[in-house]
Protein backbone atom coordinates (compact mmCIF):
# COMPACT_ATOMS: atom_id res chain seq x y z
CA MET A 1 0.00 0.00 0.00
CA ILE A 2 2.83 2.38 0.94
CA LYS A 3 4.67 1.58 -2.33
CA LYS A 4 1.47 2.30 -4.27
CA LEU A 5 1.02 5.68 -2.52
CA LEU A 6 4.67 6.59 -3.17
CA ALA A 7 4.30 5.68 -6.84
CA GLU A 8 1.15 7.83 -7.13
CA GLN A 9 2.92 10.76 -5.43
CA ILE A 10 5.91 10.48 -7.80
CA GLU A 11 3.57 10.33 -10.81
CA PHE A 12 1.66 13.37 -9.54
CA LYS A 13 4.89 15.35 -9.02
CA LEU A 14 6.04 14.49 -12.54
CA GLU A 15 2.72 15.71 -13.96
CA VAL A 16 2.97 18.96 -11.98
CA SER A 17 6.58 19.44 -13.14
CA MET A 18 5.59 18.95 -16.77
CA LEU A 19 2.71 21.39 -16.40
CA PHE A 20 5.08 23.91 -14.81
CA LEU A 21 7.55 23.59 -17.68
CA CYS A 22 4.76 24.10 -20.22
CA PHE A 23 3.62 27.12 -18.23
CA LEU A 24 7.09 28.65 -18.36
CA SER A 25 7.23 28.31 -22.14
CA THR A 26 4.06 30.31 -22.63
CA ALA A 27 2.60 33.45 -21.09
CA ILE A 28 2.86 34.06 -17.34
CA ILE A 29 -0.70 34.47 -16.11
CA THR A 30 -1.68 35.85 -12.70
CA ASP A 31 -4.97 37.16 -11.35
CA ALA A 32 -4.60 40.56 -13.02
CA GLN A 33 -2.08 40.37 -15.84
CA THR A 34 -0.61 38.19 -18.56
CA ILE A 35 3.10 38.59 -19.31
CA TYR A 36 4.21 37.26 -22.69
CA PRO A 37 7.30 35.06 -23.05
CA THR A 38 10.58 36.82 -23.80
CA THR A 39 11.50 36.75 -27.48
CA LYS A 40 14.72 34.76 -27.83
CA GLY A 41 17.35 36.53 -29.92
CA LEU A 42 16.21 40.08 -29.20
CA THR A 43 18.06 42.60 -27.06
CA ALA A 44 15.89 44.43 -24.57
CA SER A 45 15.88 48.21 -24.22
CA GLN A 46 18.78 49.69 -22.29
CA ASP A 47 16.71 52.79 -21.52
CA TYR A 48 13.90 51.23 -19.49
CA GLU A 49 13.07 48.25 -17.29
CA VAL A 50 9.39 47.56 -16.58
CA THR A 51 7.60 45.33 -14.10
CA VAL A 52 3.85 44.76 -13.86
CA ASN A 53 2.67 43.64 -10.42
CA GLY A 54 6.27 42.66 -9.77
CA LYS A 55 6.66 40.58 -12.95
CA LYS A 56 9.29 41.69 -15.47
CA VAL A 57 8.02 42.65 -18.92
CA PHE A 58 10.22 42.59 -22.03
CA VAL A 59 10.83 46.12 -23.38
CA TYR A 60 11.30 46.33 -27.15
CA VAL A 61 13.57 48.82 -28.89
CA SER A 62 12.33 50.87 -31.84
CA PRO A 63 14.45 53.09 -34.13
CA VAL A 64 11.99 56.00 -33.55
CA PRO A 65 13.87 56.16 -31.07
CA ALA A 66 11.41 54.79 -28.55
CA ALA A 67 10.87 51.75 -26.38
CA TYR A 68 7.62 49.87 -25.83
CA CYS A 69 6.19 47.01 -23.83
CA SER A 70 2.95 45.09 -24.03
CA PHE A 71 0.93 42.89 -21.69
CA ASP A 72 -2.67 41.89 -20.98
CA MET A 73 -4.65 42.91 -17.92
CA SER A 74 -7.96 41.77 -16.48
CA GLY A 75 -7.82 43.84 -13.30
CA PRO A 76 -5.90 46.73 -11.72
CA VAL A 77 -2.11 46.61 -12.06
CA ASP A 78 0.83 48.49 -10.60
CA ILE A 79 3.69 49.32 -12.95
CA THR A 80 7.25 50.16 -11.97
CA ILE A 81 9.53 51.77 -14.56
CA LYS A 82 13.25 52.16 -14.04
CA ALA A 83 14.85 54.58 -16.49
CA ASN A 84 18.53 54.99 -17.30
CA ARG A 85 18.45 58.68 -16.43
CA ASP A 86 17.61 61.00 -13.59
CA ILE A 87 13.98 62.15 -13.69
CA LYS A 88 12.68 65.56 -12.74
CA TRP A 89 9.42 65.50 -14.71
CA VAL A 90 7.12 62.88 -16.23
CA ASP A 91 4.32 63.42 -18.75
CA VAL A 92 1.88 60.55 -19.17
CA ARG A 93 -0.12 60.95 -22.36
CA PRO A 94 -2.90 61.12 -23.34
CA LYS A 95 -3.68 63.36 -20.39
CA ILE A 96 -7.37 62.41 -20.56
CA ALA A 97 -6.39 58.97 -19.17
CA GLY A 98 -5.80 60.68 -15.83
CA ILE A 99 -2.75 58.59 -14.91
CA GLN A 100 -0.77 60.34 -12.18
CA PRO A 101 2.86 59.17 -12.02
CA VAL A 102 4.83 58.96 -8.81
CA PHE A 103 8.54 59.34 -9.47
CA LYS A 104 11.81 59.70 -7.62
CA ASP A 105 15.38 59.58 -8.92
CA SER A 106 15.08 57.21 -11.92
CA THR A 107 11.98 55.23 -10.88
CA ILE A 108 8.37 55.84 -11.93
CA LYS A 109 5.31 54.13 -10.49
CA LEU A 110 1.91 54.01 -12.20
CA HIS A 111 -1.41 52.46 -11.25
CA LEU A 112 -3.71 51.32 -14.07
CA SER A 113 -7.32 50.39 -13.42
CA LYS A 114 -8.17 49.41 -17.00
CA PRO A 115 -6.50 48.68 -20.36
CA VAL A 116 -4.89 51.75 -21.90
CA GLN A 117 -2.16 52.85 -24.34
CA LEU A 118 0.26 55.41 -22.94
CA SER A 119 3.28 57.49 -23.87
CA ILE A 120 5.68 58.09 -20.98
CA GLU A 121 7.84 61.15 -21.68
CA LEU A 122 10.67 62.27 -19.41
CA ASN A 123 11.96 65.70 -18.47
CA GLY A 124 9.84 67.58 -21.00
CA SER A 125 11.37 65.78 -24.00
CA ILE A 126 9.53 63.90 -26.74
CA ARG A 127 12.68 61.96 -27.63
CA SER A 128 13.11 58.36 -26.43
CA PRO A 129 9.69 57.88 -24.83
CA LEU A 130 8.37 54.61 -23.41
CA PHE A 131 5.06 53.36 -24.80
CA ILE A 132 2.99 51.12 -22.54
CA PHE A 133 0.39 48.95 -24.25
CA ALA A 134 -1.89 47.46 -21.60
CA ASN A 135 -4.26 45.22 -23.55
CA PRO A 136 -7.53 43.64 -22.48
CA SER A 137 -7.33 39.90 -21.95
CA GLU A 138 -7.61 37.82 -25.11
CA VAL A 139 -10.81 35.94 -25.84
CA ASN A 140 -11.37 33.12 -28.33
CA LYS A 141 -7.69 32.52 -28.97
CA PRO A 142 -7.29 30.44 -32.16
CA ASN A 143 -6.31 26.78 -32.05
CA LYS A 144 -2.81 26.28 -33.46
CA ASN A 145 -3.88 22.88 -34.82
CA ASP A 146 -6.68 24.37 -36.92
CA GLN A 147 -5.72 24.00 -40.59
CA ASN A 148 -7.11 27.47 -41.30
CA VAL A 149 -4.87 29.12 -38.71
CA ILE A 150 -1.38 30.39 -39.58
CA TYR A 151 0.10 30.33 -36.08
CA PHE A 152 3.30 32.05 -34.92
CA GLU A 153 4.35 30.87 -31.48
CA GLY A 154 5.47 33.25 -28.74
CA GLY A 155 9.07 33.52 -27.58
CA LYS A 156 10.51 33.19 -31.09
CA ILE A 157 11.51 35.28 -34.12
CA HIS A 158 9.85 33.99 -37.30
CA TYR A 159 10.93 34.82 -40.88
CA PRO A 160 8.03 33.91 -43.19
CA GLY A 161 8.55 36.71 -45.73
CA ILE A 162 5.22 37.25 -47.51
CA ILE A 163 2.24 35.74 -45.70
CA ASN A 164 -0.54 35.26 -48.25
CA VAL A 165 -3.91 34.95 -46.53
CA LYS A 166 -6.80 33.12 -48.18
CA SER A 167 -10.54 33.22 -47.47
CA ASN A 168 -11.60 31.95 -44.04
CA GLN A 169 -8.02 31.96 -42.74
CA THR A 170 -6.65 33.50 -39.53
CA VAL A 171 -3.11 34.70 -38.96
CA TYR A 172 -2.31 34.54 -35.26
CA ILE A 173 0.82 36.17 -33.80
CA GLU A 174 1.11 35.06 -30.20
CA GLY A 175 2.34 37.43 -27.51
CA GLY A 176 6.13 37.29 -27.39
CA ALA A 177 6.41 36.36 -31.07
CA VAL A 178 8.15 38.60 -33.61
CA VAL A 179 7.21 37.95 -37.24
CA VAL A 180 9.54 39.47 -39.84
CA GLY A 181 7.59 39.86 -43.07
CA VAL A 182 4.43 41.25 -44.61
CA ILE A 183 0.79 40.16 -44.78
CA LYS A 184 -1.20 40.23 -48.02
CA ALA A 185 -4.69 39.17 -49.06
CA LYS A 186 -6.29 39.47 -52.50
CA ALA A 187 -10.00 38.88 -53.21
CA ALA A 188 -10.41 37.06 -49.88
CA SER A 189 -13.30 37.09 -47.43
CA ASN A 190 -13.73 36.33 -43.74
CA ILE A 191 -10.07 36.75 -42.81
CA LYS A 192 -8.46 37.70 -39.51
CA VAL A 193 -5.07 38.87 -38.29
CA LEU A 194 -4.97 38.58 -34.51
CA GLY A 195 -2.70 38.28 -31.51
CA ARG A 196 -0.49 40.16 -29.09
CA GLY A 197 2.83 39.74 -30.89
CA VAL A 198 4.89 41.97 -33.17
CA LEU A 199 4.94 42.20 -36.97
CA ASP A 200 8.36 43.58 -37.92
CA GLY A 201 8.71 45.57 -41.16
CA THR A 202 12.36 46.52 -40.78
CA TYR A 203 13.55 44.46 -43.75
CA ASN A 204 10.62 45.16 -46.08
CA ILE A 205 11.82 46.50 -49.41
CA ARG A 206 11.01 50.12 -50.22
CA LEU A 207 9.76 51.34 -53.56
CA ASN A 208 13.17 52.57 -54.71
CA ASP A 209 15.27 49.73 -53.31
CA SER A 210 16.84 47.26 -55.72
CA VAL A 211 17.53 44.49 -53.21
CA ILE A 212 16.05 43.64 -49.87
CA LYS A 213 17.88 44.93 -46.84
CA ALA A 214 18.18 41.82 -44.73
CA SER A 215 20.80 40.50 -42.38
CA ALA A 216 22.88 37.47 -43.28
CA ASN A 217 20.95 35.03 -41.15
CA ASP A 218 17.51 35.74 -42.60
CA THR A 219 18.09 36.58 -46.27
CA SER A 220 17.20 33.09 -47.44
CA LEU A 221 14.11 33.03 -45.27
CA LEU A 222 12.91 36.30 -46.80
CA ARG A 223 13.77 35.29 -50.36
CA ASN A 224 10.17 35.45 -51.55
CA MET A 225 10.14 39.20 -50.79
CA LYS A 226 13.29 39.99 -52.75
CA GLY A 227 12.91 42.35 -55.68
CA SER A 228 9.28 43.22 -55.01
CA TYR A 229 7.52 46.13 -53.33
CA ASN A 230 5.16 45.11 -50.55
CA ARG A 231 3.02 47.23 -48.31
CA PHE A 232 3.14 46.01 -44.72
CA VAL A 233 -0.41 44.69 -44.23
CA GLU A 234 -2.48 44.92 -47.42
CA PHE A 235 -6.02 43.76 -48.12
CA THR A 236 -7.11 44.21 -51.75
CA ASP A 237 -10.66 43.55 -53.00
CA CYS A 238 -11.48 41.80 -49.73
CA ASP A 239 -14.61 41.54 -47.59
CA ASN A 240 -15.12 41.03 -43.87
CA VAL A 241 -11.62 41.61 -42.49
CA THR A 242 -10.50 41.82 -38.85
CA LEU A 243 -7.13 43.15 -37.71
CA GLU A 244 -6.74 43.13 -33.95
CA GLY A 245 -4.26 43.25 -31.11
CA ILE A 246 -0.84 43.14 -32.78
CA THR A 247 1.98 45.69 -32.79
CA LEU A 248 3.40 46.88 -36.12
CA HIS A 249 7.10 47.63 -35.75
CA ASN A 250 9.28 49.90 -37.90
CA SER A 251 7.53 49.65 -41.25
CA THR A 252 9.35 51.06 -44.27
CA THR A 253 6.14 51.43 -46.32
CA TRP A 254 2.46 52.23 -45.88
CA GLN A 255 1.38 50.00 -43.05
CA VAL A 256 -2.27 48.90 -42.88
CA VAL A 257 -3.78 49.33 -46.34
CA PRO A 258 -7.32 48.18 -47.15
CA ILE A 259 -7.74 48.74 -50.90
CA HIS A 260 -11.24 48.48 -52.36
CA THR A 261 -12.19 46.43 -49.33
CA ASN A 262 -15.58 46.28 -47.63
CA ASN A 263 -16.41 45.74 -43.97
CA ILE A 264 -13.08 45.95 -42.14
CA HIS A 265 -12.61 46.20 -38.38
CA ILE A 266 -9.26 47.41 -37.02
CA ASN A 267 -9.11 47.21 -33.24
CA ASN A 268 -6.41 47.66 -30.60
CA ILE A 269 -3.45 47.73 -32.94
CA LYS A 270 -0.27 49.55 -32.05
CA ILE A 271 1.98 51.15 -34.66
CA VAL A 272 5.49 52.38 -33.83
CA SER A 273 7.66 53.67 -36.68
CA ASP A 274 9.64 56.61 -38.01
CA GLN A 275 10.35 55.90 -41.67
CA ALA A 276 9.74 57.75 -44.91
CA SER A 277 6.18 57.14 -46.20
CA ASP A 278 5.22 55.03 -43.17
CA ASP A 279 1.53 56.06 -43.13
CA GLY A 280 -0.20 54.22 -40.31
CA ILE A 281 -3.53 53.27 -41.88
CA ASP A 282 -4.35 54.11 -45.52
CA VAL A 283 -8.02 53.55 -46.32
CA VAL A 284 -8.12 53.37 -50.13
CA ARG A 285 -11.48 53.24 -51.95
CA SER A 286 -12.96 51.16 -49.13
CA THR A 287 -16.37 51.10 -47.44
CA LYS A 288 -17.69 50.26 -43.98
CA VAL A 289 -14.41 50.76 -42.14
CA LEU A 290 -14.16 50.83 -38.33
CA ILE A 291 -10.86 51.80 -36.69
CA GLU A 292 -10.83 51.93 -32.90
CA ASN A 293 -8.88 51.62 -29.65
CA SER A 294 -5.52 51.93 -31.38
CA PHE A 295 -2.22 53.77 -30.85
CA ILE A 296 -0.39 55.12 -33.90
CA ARG A 297 3.01 56.81 -33.83
CA THR A 298 4.36 57.45 -37.34
CA LYS A 299 6.64 59.82 -39.19
CA ASP A 300 4.03 60.25 -41.95
CA ASP A 301 0.20 60.42 -41.77
CA CYS A 302 -1.36 58.51 -38.87
CA VAL A 303 -4.68 57.75 -40.59
CA VAL A 304 -5.31 58.79 -44.19
CA ILE A 305 -8.24 58.37 -46.56
CA LYS A 306 -7.42 58.00 -50.27
CA ALA A 307 -9.28 57.25 -53.50
CA HIS A 308 -6.90 56.25 -56.24
CA MET A 309 -5.51 53.01 -57.68
CA ASN A 310 -6.93 51.52 -60.88
CA TYR A 311 -10.65 51.57 -60.13
CA PRO A 312 -13.55 53.43 -61.76
CA LYS A 313 -14.34 56.87 -60.39
CA SER A 314 -17.72 55.51 -59.32
CA GLU A 315 -16.01 53.38 -56.63
CA PRO A 316 -16.16 55.63 -53.53
CA VAL A 317 -14.82 55.86 -50.04
CA ASP A 318 -17.96 55.62 -47.92
CA GLY A 319 -18.55 54.99 -44.24
CA VAL A 320 -15.31 55.33 -42.25
CA LEU A 321 -15.41 55.64 -38.45
CA VAL A 322 -12.24 56.26 -36.42
CA GLN A 323 -12.79 56.37 -32.67
CA ASN A 324 -11.09 56.06 -29.29
CA CYS A 325 -7.54 56.23 -30.68
CA THR A 326 -4.30 57.99 -29.77
CA PHE A 327 -2.10 59.59 -32.45
CA TRP A 328 1.44 60.93 -32.70
CA ASN A 329 2.54 62.33 -36.08
CA ALA A 330 6.20 63.30 -36.50
CA LEU A 331 7.90 65.35 -39.19
CA TRP A 332 6.05 64.25 -42.36
CA GLY A 333 2.39 64.26 -43.27
CA ASN A 334 -0.47 65.03 -40.92
CA GLY A 335 -2.40 63.51 -38.06
CA LEU A 336 -5.82 62.75 -39.53
CA GLU A 337 -5.69 63.22 -43.30
CA ILE A 338 -8.07 62.94 -46.24
CA GLY A 339 -5.97 63.17 -49.42
CA PHE A 340 -4.00 63.80 -51.56
CA GLU A 341 -5.13 61.16 -54.07
CA LEU A 342 -8.91 61.70 -54.26
CA ASN A 343 -10.12 60.61 -57.70
CA ALA A 344 -13.37 58.87 -56.77
CA ALA A 345 -16.57 60.75 -57.50
CA GLU A 346 -17.34 60.83 -53.77
CA ILE A 347 -15.37 60.54 -50.57
CA LYS A 348 -18.08 60.74 -47.94
CA ASN A 349 -19.49 59.87 -44.54
CA ILE A 350 -16.21 59.95 -42.64
CA VAL A 351 -16.14 60.41 -38.85
CA PHE A 352 -13.23 60.87 -36.45
CA LYS A 353 -14.37 61.05 -32.83
CA ASN A 354 -13.22 60.76 -29.23
CA CYS A 355 -9.53 60.66 -30.09
CA ASP A 356 -6.38 62.14 -28.59
CA ILE A 357 -3.64 63.71 -30.67
CA ILE A 358 -0.65 63.86 -28.36
CA HIS A 359 1.91 65.28 -30.82
CA ILE A 360 1.85 66.88 -34.27
CA GLU A 361 5.47 67.79 -34.91
CA ALA A 362 4.73 69.28 -38.36
CA GLY A 363 1.78 69.47 -40.71
CA ALA A 364 -1.80 69.62 -39.46
CA ALA A 365 -3.85 67.85 -36.83
CA PHE A 366 -6.84 67.67 -39.24
CA SER A 367 -6.36 67.91 -42.99
CA ILE A 368 -8.32 67.51 -46.19
CA HIS A 369 -5.98 67.89 -49.16
CA ASN A 370 -7.99 67.42 -52.32
CA ALA A 371 -5.54 67.07 -55.19
CA GLY A 372 -8.00 65.03 -57.24
CA THR A 373 -11.38 65.43 -58.90
CA GLY A 374 -13.49 63.96 -56.11
CA HIS A 375 -16.07 65.59 -53.87
CA VAL A 376 -15.21 65.27 -50.18
CA LYS A 377 -18.39 65.67 -48.15
CA ASN A 378 -20.10 64.81 -44.89
CA VAL A 379 -16.98 64.72 -42.74
CA THR A 380 -17.05 65.07 -38.95
CA PHE A 381 -14.25 65.62 -36.44
CA GLU A 382 -15.78 65.44 -32.96
CA ASN A 383 -14.63 65.30 -29.33
CA ILE A 384 -10.92 65.38 -30.15
CA ARG A 385 -8.20 66.67 -27.85
CA ILE A 386 -4.87 68.03 -29.11
CA GLU A 387 -2.05 68.21 -26.59
CA ASP A 388 0.74 69.42 -28.86
CA ALA A 389 0.35 70.72 -32.44
CA ARG A 390 3.31 72.73 -33.68
CA GLN A 391 2.17 74.00 -37.06
CA LYS A 392 -1.46 73.75 -38.22
CA LEU A 393 -4.75 72.81 -36.61
CA PHE A 394 -7.18 72.61 -39.58
CA ASP A 395 -5.90 72.47 -43.16
CA PHE A 396 -8.57 72.05 -45.86
CA ALA A 397 -7.31 72.80 -49.35
CA ILE A 398 -7.92 72.11 -53.05
CA PHE A 399 -4.86 72.29 -55.26
CA ARG A 400 -2.67 70.74 -57.94
CA SER A 401 -0.02 68.40 -56.62
CA GLN A 402 2.60 65.98 -57.82
CA TYR A 403 -0.02 63.24 -57.24
CA SER A 404 -2.75 64.89 -59.36
CA GLU A 405 -3.88 63.73 -62.80
CA ASP A 406 -2.38 66.98 -64.12
CA GLY A 407 0.70 66.65 -61.92
CA THR A 408 4.13 65.50 -62.96
CA ARG A 409 6.66 62.96 -61.73
CA ASP A 410 9.46 64.49 -63.81
CA GLU A 411 11.92 65.65 -61.18
CA ALA A 412 13.18 68.73 -63.04
CA GLU A 413 9.66 69.89 -63.89
CA ARG A 414 8.51 69.22 -60.35
CA ARG A 415 11.30 71.35 -58.92
CA ARG A 416 10.40 74.16 -61.32
CA LEU A 417 6.74 74.11 -60.31
CA TYR A 418 7.14 73.30 -56.63
CA LEU A 419 5.17 75.66 -54.40
CA ASN A 420 7.32 76.06 -51.33
CA GLY A 421 5.20 77.22 -48.44
CA ALA A 422 2.30 75.89 -46.39
CA TRP A 423 2.18 72.45 -48.05
CA ASP A 424 4.47 69.74 -49.31
CA GLY A 425 4.10 68.28 -52.79
CA VAL A 426 1.95 71.13 -54.16
CA LEU A 427 2.61 72.49 -57.67
CA LYS A 428 2.09 76.00 -58.98
CA VAL A 429 -0.55 76.75 -61.58
CA PRO A 430 0.32 79.83 -63.68
CA ALA A 431 -2.56 82.32 -63.81
CA ALA A 432 -2.91 81.87 -67.57
CA ASP A 433 -3.35 78.10 -67.11
CA LYS A 434 -5.74 78.13 -64.16
CA ALA A 435 -8.92 77.56 -66.18
CA ALA A 436 -7.33 74.71 -68.12
CA HIS A 437 -6.41 72.91 -64.90
CA ALA A 438 -9.83 73.44 -63.27
CA LYS A 439 -11.24 70.21 -64.75
CA PHE A 440 -8.78 68.29 -62.58
CA ARG A 441 -10.00 69.87 -59.34
CA GLY A 442 -12.64 68.68 -56.86
CA ASN A 443 -14.64 70.03 -53.92
CA ILE A 444 -14.80 70.03 -50.13
CA SER A 445 -18.13 70.63 -48.38
CA GLY A 446 -20.18 69.69 -45.35
CA VAL A 447 -17.46 69.48 -42.70
CA VAL A 448 -18.26 69.66 -38.97
CA LEU A 449 -15.58 70.38 -36.36
CA LYS A 450 -17.27 69.86 -33.00
CA ASN A 451 -15.84 69.93 -29.48
CA ILE A 452 -12.23 70.31 -30.56
CA SER A 453 -9.83 71.26 -27.76
CA VAL A 454 -6.21 72.35 -27.91
CA THR A 455 -5.25 71.68 -24.32
CA ASP A 456 -1.54 72.55 -24.32
CA GLY A 457 1.34 73.65 -26.50
CA LEU A 458 1.08 76.29 -29.22
CA PHE A 459 -2.02 77.93 -30.72
CA PRO A 460 -1.65 76.53 -34.26
CA TYR A 461 -2.92 78.39 -37.29
CA SER A 462 -5.45 77.00 -39.82
CA VAL A 463 -6.06 77.22 -43.57
CA PHE A 464 -9.23 76.89 -45.69
CA TYR A 465 -8.10 77.24 -49.31
CA GLY A 466 -10.11 76.57 -52.46
CA TYR A 467 -8.96 76.50 -56.08
CA ASP A 468 -11.61 78.78 -57.60
CA SER A 469 -15.27 79.69 -57.08
CA GLU A 470 -16.43 76.36 -58.55
CA HIS A 471 -13.92 74.23 -56.66
CA ASN A 472 -13.90 75.61 -53.16
CA VAL A 473 -14.18 74.86 -49.45
CA LYS A 474 -17.71 75.50 -48.24
CA ASN A 475 -20.25 74.76 -45.53
CA VAL A 476 -17.80 74.20 -42.68
CA THR A 477 -19.10 74.47 -39.12
CA ILE A 478 -16.76 75.02 -36.18
CA ASP A 479 -18.78 74.21 -33.05
CA ASN A 480 -17.16 74.68 -29.63
CA LEU A 481 -13.50 75.11 -30.52
CA VAL A 482 -11.55 75.61 -27.28
CA ILE A 483 -7.94 76.80 -27.30
CA HIS A 484 -6.11 76.64 -23.96
CA GLY A 485 -9.40 76.78 -22.08
CA LYS A 486 -10.89 79.67 -24.08
CA LYS A 487 -13.80 79.12 -26.46
CA ILE A 488 -13.36 80.65 -29.91
CA THR A 489 -16.51 82.52 -30.92
CA LYS A 490 -15.30 84.52 -33.93
CA LEU A 491 -13.42 83.56 -37.07
CA SER A 492 -11.08 86.47 -36.46
CA ASP A 493 -9.93 84.81 -33.23
CA ALA A 494 -9.25 81.40 -34.81
CA ARG A 495 -5.92 82.18 -36.52
CA LEU A 496 -7.57 81.11 -39.77
CA TYR A 497 -6.46 82.01 -43.31
CA MET A 498 -9.24 81.70 -45.92
CA GLU A 499 -9.26 81.93 -49.71
CA GLN A 500 -12.01 80.65 -52.03
CA ALA A 501 -13.95 79.50 -48.94
CA GLU A 502 -17.62 80.21 -48.25
CA ASN A 503 -20.19 79.68 -45.53
CA ILE A 504 -17.66 79.07 -42.77
CA SER A 505 -19.29 79.48 -39.35
CA VAL A 506 -18.19 79.46 -35.72
CA LYS A 507 -20.53 78.82 -32.84
């Protein structure tokens, strides 16, 4: 009997040991947080160390330069950050989150009661911040043994190159996984890209590159990308698409690009990059688009609406909602942009609401740049807070650009015509040629700017600029614009330049 009990105890201990080993190889789960496995082969940030409820979290390095970490939470958590520098001031953005840091020497403590995406900025500088991505707990995690699931396991670096997604397939990037490559889908339906891991675009070829920039150990694994131009995550002619939870790291191209795609939901993605033409999300000739609960830090446009590519002008952009997001736009582009390429007959029913713009280092917070023939109408910007905009607030303009049908890509001609001033990429139209170029111009009308607040930083100027009396900016309502706590009640107080603009009201 004693021998039998001893044998059962030994068997039980072996089972517990095996379970413990399996547990160590996956996420560390406690009552309030899930910590992803450390990615083998990556070097952690030397600027920051982070613990969540006492558990160490891996801190990734981005060339922005910035660092970021990610974890799941299902209840309140306490975060401790140790920086590599002395701290005399900490800004936690967006300020609306109400997170009050406690700091001393080089240590910061934060308490989070719910999932949130934060930028931690030290000593009044926007350089080398720490981004904290506290995600809600995952639900309905895909089964890695499902034949329709392309599964990338946590704790590893994967080099798939181009991931082609077919109808009814799911790409799952587990927390702690880094996937070096791009994701593409063409004429597919019911597809998903999910997870808590990282999609790395560092080695993606750029438009003007002749060979892929890859390190010696992964060139062969990325061979199917060599010699081709690939946007980071591209859905073309697709229907019913979900993109959720992942972090997009250091893209060298446009990042999330639904082209002529219907019914797409983008939720809780995080984008961290600082590359030329690294637009965060480019909605191109797509309909029924929902973008929410996401954090986007890019050098170029954060979210941009476009209507070009080889489709009939009758194919519109219609029904785009962007809500509950945080944006940081650096030295190129704009924060929330509609333009430049707008050659559909209509670009309409677009709403940006309840968002925080924490930095606009150049360009505009809100822009509509119509360099095409389309009519931009029924656009709403509502309940948006701007913490730091260094150039323009609103910028709605109709003009000829290098991207227009009557533009030019000839470098010498472009330099000759380049209009240096308030915009990039805009070309002069000689007075004698203005009527001839009018057929290539569009319209902007029916724009509502409601409950917009500039809470800190500069008082940026704005521009409403039409092409002529037939192609102008009209019917724009500014309702409850507040600058540094003061409501703007007159156009003359709004720092607004207007030309070929009509029926612009402030209330």
